[in-house]
PDB file of N, CA and C in Angstrom:
ATOM      1  N   UNK A   1     109.113  98.993 109.096  1.00  0.00           N
ATOM      2  CA  UNK A   1     107.678  99.050 108.952  1.00  0.00           C
ATOM      3  C   UNK A   1     107.021  97.813 109.548  1.00  0.00           C
ATOM      4  N   UNK A   2     107.653  96.653 109.382  1.00  0.00           N
ATOM      5  CA  UNK A   2     107.069  95.423 109.918  1.00  0.00           C
ATOM      6  C   UNK A   2     107.061  95.460 111.436  1.00  0.00           C
ATOM      7  N   UNK A   3     108.193  95.837 112.024  1.00  0.00           N
ATOM      8  CA  UNK A   3     108.278  95.877 113.488  1.00  0.00           C
ATOM      9  C   UNK A   3     107.333  96.935 114.041  1.00  0.00           C
ATOM     10  N   UNK A   4     107.277  98.097 113.412  1.00  0.00           N
ATOM     11  CA  UNK A   4     106.353  99.143 113.876  1.00  0.00           C
ATOM     12  C   UNK A   4     104.906  98.659 113.823  1.00  0.00           C
ATOM     13  N   UNK A   5     104.547  97.999 112.752  1.00  0.00           N
ATOM     14  CA  UNK A   5     103.184  97.468 112.632  1.00  0.00           C
ATOM     15  C   UNK A   5     102.917  96.422 113.705  1.00  0.00           C
ATOM     16  N   UNK A   6     103.893  95.568 113.959  1.00  0.00           N
ATOM     17  CA  UNK A   6     103.764  94.556 115.008  1.00  0.00           C
ATOM     18  C   UNK A   6     103.565  95.226 116.370  1.00  0.00           C
ATOM     19  N   UNK A   7     104.335  96.274 116.642  1.00  0.00           N
ATOM     20  CA  UNK A   7     104.216  96.992 117.920  1.00  0.00           C
ATOM     21  C   UNK A   7     102.835  97.618 118.083  1.00  0.00           C
ATOM     22  N   UNK A   8     102.206  97.986 116.970  1.00  0.00           N
ATOM     23  CA  UNK A   8     100.853  98.569 117.025  1.00  0.00           C
ATOM     24  C   UNK A   8      99.788  97.489 117.178  1.00  0.00           C
ATOM     25  N   UNK A   9     100.210  96.225 117.199  1.00  0.00           N
ATOM     26  CA  UNK A   9      99.269  95.147 117.427  1.00  0.00           C
ATOM     27  C   UNK A   9      98.766  94.442 116.180  1.00  0.00           C
ATOM     28  N   UNK A  10      99.322  94.779 115.022  1.00  0.00           N
ATOM     29  CA  UNK A  10      98.888  94.111 113.790  1.00  0.00           C
ATOM     30  C   UNK A  10      99.503  92.715 113.711  1.00  0.00           C
ATOM     31  N   UNK A  11      98.721  91.763 113.240  1.00  0.00           N
ATOM     32  CA  UNK A  11      99.228  90.406 113.060  1.00  0.00           C
ATOM     33  C   UNK A  11      99.947  90.336 111.704  1.00  0.00           C
ATOM     34  N   UNK A  12     100.786  89.316 111.475  1.00  0.00           N
ATOM     35  CA  UNK A  12     101.536  89.229 110.218  1.00  0.00           C
ATOM     36  C   UNK A  12     100.654  89.287 108.962  1.00  0.00           C
ATOM     37  N   UNK A  13      99.483  88.658 109.030  1.00  0.00           N
ATOM     38  CA  UNK A  13      98.593  88.702 107.856  1.00  0.00           C
ATOM     39  C   UNK A  13      98.121  90.125 107.565  1.00  0.00           C
ATOM     40  N   UNK A  14      97.820  90.882 108.617  1.00  0.00           N
ATOM     41  CA  UNK A  14      97.403  92.281 108.426  1.00  0.00           C
ATOM     42  C   UNK A  14      98.557  93.119 107.878  1.00  0.00           C
ATOM     43  N   UNK A  15      99.754  92.852 108.384  1.00  0.00           N
ATOM     44  CA  UNK A  15     100.927  93.580 107.901  1.00  0.00           C
ATOM     45  C   UNK A  15     101.134  93.305 106.416  1.00  0.00           C
ATOM     46  N   UNK A  16     101.006  92.052 106.023  1.00  0.00           N
ATOM     47  CA  UNK A  16     101.173  91.703 104.607  1.00  0.00           C
ATOM     48  C   UNK A  16     100.120  92.392 103.751  1.00  0.00           C
ATOM     49  N   UNK A  17      98.889  92.450 104.234  1.00  0.00           N
ATOM     50  CA  UNK A  17      97.829  93.127 103.477  1.00  0.00           C
ATOM     51  C   UNK A  17      98.121  94.619 103.332  1.00  0.00           C
ATOM     52  N   UNK A  18      98.718  95.211 104.366  1.00  0.00           N
ATOM     53  CA  UNK A  18      99.042  96.639 104.319  1.00  0.00           C
ATOM     54  C   UNK A  18     100.217  96.938 103.393  1.00  0.00           C
ATOM     55  N   UNK A  19     101.153  95.991 103.303  1.00  0.00           N
ATOM     56  CA  UNK A  19     102.355  96.169 102.490  1.00  0.00           C
ATOM     57  C   UNK A  19     102.578  94.935 101.615  1.00  0.00           C
ATOM     58  N   UNK A  20     101.664  94.645 100.690  1.00  0.00           N
ATOM     59  CA  UNK A  20     101.823  93.433  99.878  1.00  0.00           C
ATOM     60  C   UNK A  20     103.065  93.509  98.988  1.00  0.00           C
ATOM     61  N   UNK A  21     103.653  92.341  98.756  1.00  0.00           N
ATOM     62  CA  UNK A  21     104.860  92.299  97.933  1.00  0.00           C
ATOM     63  C   UNK A  21     105.040  90.915  97.336  1.00  0.00           C
ATOM     64  N   UNK A  22     105.666  90.888  96.205  1.00  0.00           N
ATOM     65  CA  UNK A  22     106.060  89.620  95.603  1.00  0.00           C
ATOM     66  C   UNK A  22     107.445  89.212  96.106  1.00  0.00           C
ATOM     67  N   UNK A  23     108.087  90.107  96.864  1.00  0.00           N
ATOM     68  CA  UNK A  23     109.445  89.875  97.360  1.00  0.00           C
ATOM     69  C   UNK A  23     109.469  89.103  98.682  1.00  0.00           C
ATOM     70  N   UNK A  24     108.379  89.101  99.427  1.00  0.00           N
ATOM     71  CA  UNK A  24     108.336  88.380 100.693  1.00  0.00           C
ATOM     72  C   UNK A  24     106.938  87.821 100.923  1.00  0.00           C
ATOM     73  N   UNK A  25     106.855  86.889 101.869  1.00  0.00           N
ATOM     74  CA  UNK A  25     105.590  86.215 102.181  1.00  0.00           C
ATOM     75  C   UNK A  25     105.185  86.501 103.615  1.00  0.00           C
ATOM     76  N   UNK A  26     104.007  86.039 103.991  1.00  0.00           N
ATOM     77  CA  UNK A  26     103.559  86.163 105.377  1.00  0.00           C
ATOM     78  C   UNK A  26     104.534  85.422 106.288  1.00  0.00           C
ATOM     79  N   UNK A  27     105.041  84.285 105.834  1.00  0.00           N
ATOM     80  CA  UNK A  27     106.019  83.527 106.626  1.00  0.00           C
ATOM     81  C   UNK A  27     107.274  84.359 106.887  1.00  0.00           C
ATOM     82  N   UNK A  28     107.688  85.145 105.900  1.00  0.00           N
ATOM     83  CA  UNK A  28     108.849  86.021 106.088  1.00  0.00           C
ATOM     84  C   UNK A  28     108.568  87.065 107.167  1.00  0.00           C
ATOM     85  N   UNK A  29     107.349  87.560 107.194  1.00  0.00           N
ATOM     86  CA  UNK A  29     106.977  88.547 108.208  1.00  0.00           C
ATOM     87  C   UNK A  29     107.029  87.912 109.591  1.00  0.00           C
ATOM     88  N   UNK A  30     106.540  86.677 109.717  1.00  0.00           N
ATOM     89  CA  UNK A  30     106.667  85.957 110.989  1.00  0.00           C
ATOM     90  C   UNK A  30     108.142  85.852 111.377  1.00  0.00           C
ATOM     91  N   UNK A  31     109.007  85.577 110.420  1.00  0.00           N
ATOM     92  CA  UNK A  31     110.443  85.453 110.704  1.00  0.00           C
ATOM     93  C   UNK A  31     111.041  86.766 111.199  1.00  0.00           C
ATOM     94  N   UNK A  32     110.646  87.862 110.577  1.00  0.00           N
ATOM     95  CA  UNK A  32     111.137  89.179 111.000  1.00  0.00           C
ATOM     96  C   UNK A  32     110.700  89.453 112.438  1.00  0.00           C
ATOM     97  N   UNK A  33     109.452  89.189 112.737  1.00  0.00           N
ATOM     98  CA  UNK A  33     108.935  89.425 114.091  1.00  0.00           C
ATOM     99  C   UNK A  33     109.648  88.514 115.095  1.00  0.00           C
ATOM    100  N   UNK A  34     109.853  87.257 114.737  1.00  0.00           N
ATOM    101  CA  UNK A  34     110.563  86.328 115.626  1.00  0.00           C
ATOM    102  C   UNK A  34     111.981  86.823 115.897  1.00  0.00           C
ATOM    103  N   UNK A  35     112.653  87.295 114.853  1.00  0.00           N
ATOM    104  CA  UNK A  35     114.014  87.819 115.033  1.00  0.00           C
ATOM    105  C   UNK A  35     113.987  89.026 115.963  1.00  0.00           C
ATOM    106  N   UNK A  36     113.047  89.920 115.720  1.00  0.00           N
ATOM    107  CA  UNK A  36     112.925  91.117 116.571  1.00  0.00           C
ATOM    108  C   UNK A  36     112.697  90.719 118.024  1.00  0.00           C
ATOM    109  N   UNK A  37     111.784  89.806 118.269  1.00  0.00           N
ATOM    110  CA  UNK A  37     111.476  89.415 119.644  1.00  0.00           C
ATOM    111  C   UNK A  37     112.664  88.712 120.313  1.00  0.00           C
ATOM    112  N   UNK A  38     113.422  87.961 119.546  1.00  0.00           N
ATOM    113  CA  UNK A  38     114.595  87.260 120.073  1.00  0.00           C
ATOM    114  C   UNK A  38     115.739  88.228 120.384  1.00  0.00           C
ATOM    115  N   UNK A  39     115.837  89.306 119.610  1.00  0.00           N
ATOM    116  CA  UNK A  39     116.931  90.275 119.740  1.00  0.00           C
ATOM    117  C   UNK A  39     116.402  91.666 120.081  1.00  0.00           C
ATOM    118  N   UNK A  40     115.354  91.721 120.879  1.00  0.00           N
ATOM    119  CA  UNK A  40     114.641  92.975 121.130  1.00  0.00           C
ATOM    120  C   UNK A  40     115.552  94.083 121.664  1.00  0.00           C
ATOM    121  N   UNK A  41     116.385  93.768 122.635  1.00  0.00           N
ATOM    122  CA  UNK A  41     117.238  94.792 123.234  1.00  0.00           C
ATOM    123  C   UNK A  41     118.166  95.407 122.189  1.00  0.00           C
ATOM    124  N   UNK A  42     118.829  94.550 121.410  1.00  0.00           N
ATOM    125  CA  UNK A  42     119.741  95.046 120.384  1.00  0.00           C
ATOM    126  C   UNK A  42     119.001  95.816 119.297  1.00  0.00           C
ATOM    127  N   UNK A  43     117.833  95.318 118.925  1.00  0.00           N
ATOM    128  CA  UNK A  43     117.048  95.979 117.881  1.00  0.00           C
ATOM    129  C   UNK A  43     116.573  97.357 118.341  1.00  0.00           C
ATOM    130  N   UNK A  44     116.103  97.461 119.564  1.00  0.00           N
ATOM    131  CA  UNK A  44     115.642  98.757 120.071  1.00  0.00           C
ATOM    132  C   UNK A  44     116.798  99.751 120.150  1.00  0.00           C
ATOM    133  N   UNK A  45     117.969  99.262 120.531  1.00  0.00           N
ATOM    134  CA  UNK A  45     119.155 100.123 120.562  1.00  0.00           C
ATOM    135  C   UNK A  45     119.482 100.613 119.152  1.00  0.00           C
ATOM    136  N   UNK A  46     119.413  99.713 118.178  1.00  0.00           N
ATOM    137  CA  UNK A  46     119.666 100.063 116.777  1.00  0.00           C
ATOM    138  C   UNK A  46     118.644 101.089 116.278  1.00  0.00           C
ATOM    139  N   UNK A  47     117.361 100.849 116.569  1.00  0.00           N
ATOM    140  CA  UNK A  47     116.314 101.779 116.134  1.00  0.00           C
ATOM    141  C   UNK A  47     116.524 103.159 116.748  1.00  0.00           C
ATOM    142  N   UNK A  48     116.891 103.199 118.032  1.00  0.00           N
ATOM    143  CA  UNK A  48     117.118 104.484 118.705  1.00  0.00           C
ATOM    144  C   UNK A  48     118.294 105.224 118.064  1.00  0.00           C
ATOM    145  N   UNK A  49     119.351 104.493 117.738  1.00  0.00           N
ATOM    146  CA  UNK A  49     120.516 105.101 117.086  1.00  0.00           C
ATOM    147  C   UNK A  49     120.134 105.679 115.725  1.00  0.00           C
ATOM    148  N   UNK A  50     119.385 104.913 114.948  1.00  0.00           N
ATOM    149  CA  UNK A  50     118.964 105.390 113.626  1.00  0.00           C
ATOM    150  C   UNK A  50     118.046 106.606 113.725  1.00  0.00           C
ATOM    151  N   UNK A  51     117.168 106.615 114.716  1.00  0.00           N
ATOM    152  CA  UNK A  51     116.272 107.756 114.914  1.00  0.00           C
ATOM    153  C   UNK A  51     117.067 109.008 115.278  1.00  0.00           C
ATOM    154  N   UNK A  52     118.068 108.837 116.135  1.00  0.00           N
ATOM    155  CA  UNK A  52     118.926 109.966 116.518  1.00  0.00           C
ATOM    156  C   UNK A  52     119.662 110.502 115.296  1.00  0.00           C
ATOM    157  N   UNK A  53     120.209 109.602 114.483  1.00  0.00           N
ATOM    158  CA  UNK A  53     120.908 110.023 113.262  1.00  0.00           C
ATOM    159  C   UNK A  53     119.969 110.764 112.316  1.00  0.00           C
ATOM    160  N   UNK A  54     118.755 110.261 112.187  1.00  0.00           N
ATOM    161  CA  UNK A  54     117.771 110.915 111.308  1.00  0.00           C
ATOM    162  C   UNK A  54     117.437 112.305 111.827  1.00  0.00           C
ATOM    163  N   UNK A  55     117.300 112.448 113.136  1.00  0.00           N
ATOM    164  CA  UNK A  55     117.017 113.768 113.718  1.00  0.00           C
ATOM    165  C   UNK A  55     118.158 114.742 113.455  1.00  0.00           C
ATOM    166  N   UNK A  56     119.391 114.264 113.576  1.00  0.00           N
ATOM    167  CA  UNK A  56     120.547 115.124 113.326  1.00  0.00           C
ATOM    168  C   UNK A  56     120.580 115.575 111.862  1.00  0.00           C
ATOM    169  N   UNK A  57     120.307 114.667 110.950  1.00  0.00           N
ATOM    170  CA  UNK A  57     120.285 115.017 109.527  1.00  0.00           C
ATOM    171  C   UNK A  57     119.159 116.006 109.244  1.00  0.00           C
ATOM    172  N   UNK A  58     117.994 115.751 109.844  1.00  0.00           N
ATOM    173  CA  UNK A  58     116.855 116.658 109.664  1.00  0.00           C
ATOM    174  C   UNK A  58     117.209 118.067 110.133  1.00  0.00           C
ATOM    175  N   UNK A  59     117.877 118.161 111.277  1.00  0.00           N
ATOM    176  CA  UNK A  59     118.277 119.472 111.800  1.00  0.00           C
ATOM    177  C   UNK A  59     119.262 120.163 110.871  1.00  0.00           C
ATOM    178  N   UNK A  60     120.209 119.398 110.302  1.00  0.00           N
ATOM    179  CA  UNK A  60     121.168 119.977 109.351  1.00  0.00           C
ATOM    180  C   UNK A  60     120.452 120.527 108.121  1.00  0.00           C
ATOM    181  N   UNK A  61     119.505 119.761 107.617  1.00  0.00           N
ATOM    182  CA  UNK A  61     118.764 120.182 106.421  1.00  0.00           C
ATOM    183  C   UNK A  61     117.966 121.443 106.720  1.00  0.00           C
ATOM    184  N   UNK A  62     117.336 121.481 107.887  1.00  0.00           N
ATOM    185  CA  UNK A  62     116.489 122.623 108.229  1.00  0.00           C
ATOM    186  C   UNK A  62     117.275 123.909 108.426  1.00  0.00           C
ATOM    187  N   UNK A  63     118.591 123.816 108.641  1.00  0.00           N
ATOM    188  CA  UNK A  63     119.403 125.026 108.798  1.00  0.00           C
ATOM    189  C   UNK A  63     120.063 125.463 107.493  1.00  0.00           C
ATOM    190  N   UNK A  64     119.834 124.717 106.412  1.00  0.00           N
ATOM    191  CA  UNK A  64     120.435 125.067 105.122  1.00  0.00           C
ATOM    192  C   UNK A  64     119.791 126.337 104.563  1.00  0.00           C
ATOM    193  N   UNK A  65     120.587 127.160 103.884  1.00  0.00           N
ATOM    194  CA  UNK A  65     120.031 128.371 103.272  1.00  0.00           C
ATOM    195  C   UNK A  65     118.924 128.016 102.270  1.00  0.00           C
ATOM    196  N   UNK A  66     117.836 128.723 102.340  1.00  0.00           N
ATOM    197  CA  UNK A  66     116.741 128.522 101.401  1.00  0.00           C
ATOM    198  C   UNK A  66     115.790 127.409 101.771  1.00  0.00           C
ATOM    199  N   UNK A  67     116.082 126.688 102.835  1.00  0.00           N
ATOM    200  CA  UNK A  67     115.230 125.550 103.223  1.00  0.00           C
ATOM    201  C   UNK A  67     113.795 125.999 103.503  1.00  0.00           C
ATOM    202  N   UNK A  68     113.634 127.004 104.358  1.00  0.00           N
ATOM    203  CA  UNK A  68     112.287 127.421 104.754  1.00  0.00           C
ATOM    204  C   UNK A  68     111.484 127.882 103.548  1.00  0.00           C
ATOM    205  N   UNK A  69     112.087 128.646 102.669  1.00  0.00           N
ATOM    206  CA  UNK A  69     111.381 129.140 101.489  1.00  0.00           C
ATOM    207  C   UNK A  69     110.937 127.975 100.602  1.00  0.00           C
ATOM    208  N   UNK A  70     111.846 127.035 100.352  1.00  0.00           N
ATOM    209  CA  UNK A  70     111.525 125.893  99.500  1.00  0.00           C
ATOM    210  C   UNK A  70     110.445 125.027 100.152  1.00  0.00           C
ATOM    211  N   UNK A  71     110.548 124.812 101.448  1.00  0.00           N
ATOM    212  CA  UNK A  71     109.552 124.026 102.170  1.00  0.00           C
ATOM    213  C   UNK A  71     108.174 124.671 102.049  1.00  0.00           C
ATOM    214  N   UNK A  72     108.126 125.972 102.263  1.00  0.00           N
ATOM    215  CA  UNK A  72     106.853 126.684 102.161  1.00  0.00           C
ATOM    216  C   UNK A  72     106.260 126.573 100.754  1.00  0.00           C
ATOM    217  N   UNK A  73     107.106 126.670  99.730  1.00  0.00           N
ATOM    218  CA  UNK A  73     106.638 126.533  98.340  1.00  0.00           C
ATOM    219  C   UNK A  73     106.038 125.143  98.107  1.00  0.00           C
ATOM    220  N   UNK A  74     106.733 124.126  98.580  1.00  0.00           N
ATOM    221  CA  UNK A  74     106.249 122.754  98.382  1.00  0.00           C
ATOM    222  C   UNK A  74     104.955 122.502  99.150  1.00  0.00           C
ATOM    223  N   UNK A  75     104.861 123.014 100.363  1.00  0.00           N
ATOM    224  CA  UNK A  75     103.627 122.849 101.135  1.00  0.00           C
ATOM    225  C   UNK A  75     102.451 123.556 100.466  1.00  0.00           C
ATOM    226  N   UNK A  76     102.722 124.732  99.877  1.00  0.00           N
ATOM    227  CA  UNK A  76     101.660 125.445  99.156  1.00  0.00           C
ATOM    228  C   UNK A  76     101.196 124.626  97.956  1.00  0.00           C
ATOM    229  N   UNK A  77     102.126 124.038  97.206  1.00  0.00           N
ATOM    230  CA  UNK A  77     101.759 123.193  96.064  1.00  0.00           C
ATOM    231  C   UNK A  77     100.914 122.006  96.523  1.00  0.00           C
ATOM    232  N   UNK A  78     101.296 121.405  97.621  1.00  0.00           N
ATOM    233  CA  UNK A  78     100.547 120.275  98.156  1.00  0.00           C
ATOM    234  C   UNK A  78      99.131 120.688  98.549  1.00  0.00           C
ATOM    235  N   UNK A  79      99.012 121.803  99.239  1.00  0.00           N
ATOM    236  CA  UNK A  79      97.675 122.302  99.624  1.00  0.00           C
ATOM    237  C   UNK A  79      96.832 122.582  98.386  1.00  0.00           C
ATOM    238  N   UNK A  80      97.436 123.232  97.385  1.00  0.00           N
ATOM    239  CA  UNK A  80      96.706 123.541  96.156  1.00  0.00           C
ATOM    240  C   UNK A  80      96.223 122.264  95.467  1.00  0.00           C
ATOM    241  N   UNK A  81      97.075 121.272  95.388  1.00  0.00           N
ATOM    242  CA  UNK A  81      96.678 120.006  94.753  1.00  0.00           C
ATOM    243  C   UNK A  81      95.542 119.343  95.519  1.00  0.00           C
ATOM    244  N   UNK A  82      95.640 119.361  96.822  1.00  0.00           N
ATOM    245  CA  UNK A  82      94.583 118.742  97.631  1.00  0.00           C
ATOM    246  C   UNK A  82      93.259 119.481  97.468  1.00  0.00           C
ATOM    247  N   UNK A  83      93.319 120.799  97.411  1.00  0.00           N
ATOM    248  CA  UNK A  83      92.099 121.594  97.251  1.00  0.00           C
ATOM    249  C   UNK A  83      91.468 121.391  95.881  1.00  0.00           C
ATOM    250  N   UNK A  84      92.299 121.160  94.868  1.00  0.00           N
ATOM    251  CA  UNK A  84      91.803 121.022  93.501  1.00  0.00           C
ATOM    252  C   UNK A  84      91.614 119.576  93.075  1.00  0.00           C
ATOM    253  N   UNK A  85      91.838 118.641  93.959  1.00  0.00           N
ATOM    254  CA  UNK A  85      91.721 117.209  93.612  1.00  0.00           C
ATOM    255  C   UNK A  85      90.267 116.849  93.393  1.00  0.00           C
ATOM    256  N   UNK A  86      90.036 116.111  92.340  1.00  0.00           N
ATOM    257  CA  UNK A  86      88.687 115.600  92.048  1.00  0.00           C
ATOM    258  C   UNK A  86      88.746 114.095  92.014  1.00  0.00           C
ATOM    259  N   UNK A  87      87.795 113.448  92.652  1.00  0.00           N
ATOM    260  CA  UNK A  87      87.725 111.996  92.669  1.00  0.00           C
ATOM    261  C   UNK A  87      87.505 111.479  91.248  1.00  0.00           C
ATOM    262  N   UNK A  88      88.267 110.462  90.848  1.00  0.00           N
ATOM    263  CA  UNK A  88      88.046 109.899  89.511  1.00  0.00           C
ATOM    264  C   UNK A  88      86.684 109.193  89.450  1.00  0.00           C
ATOM    265  N   UNK A  89      86.087 109.297  88.295  1.00  0.00           N
ATOM    266  CA  UNK A  89      84.802 108.602  88.097  1.00  0.00           C
ATOM    267  C   UNK A  89      85.053 107.131  87.790  1.00  0.00           C
ATOM    268  N   UNK A  90      84.225 106.293  88.361  1.00  0.00           N
ATOM    269  CA  UNK A  90      84.364 104.845  88.114  1.00  0.00           C
ATOM    270  C   UNK A  90      83.329 104.352  87.141  1.00  0.00           C
TER     271      UNK A  90
END
């Protein structure tokens, strides 16, 4: 998420605001970006490998029996919730 945000042009402070945490600081985000920039070729290769693996897993899941029916049920529930959502009063 940090590297993706950096690639979209967000600065470390903006990234921290988008994903605040008590586990890391803005300085840590600078460190992650510095590591990525120093090892860009290896990191991009790693990201591509992980994306390929995720696509393969996604394809396996989509061919499982009952997948389409369950997916359609969940999407219908999501649509229903969105249609019936009411903004909380402040």
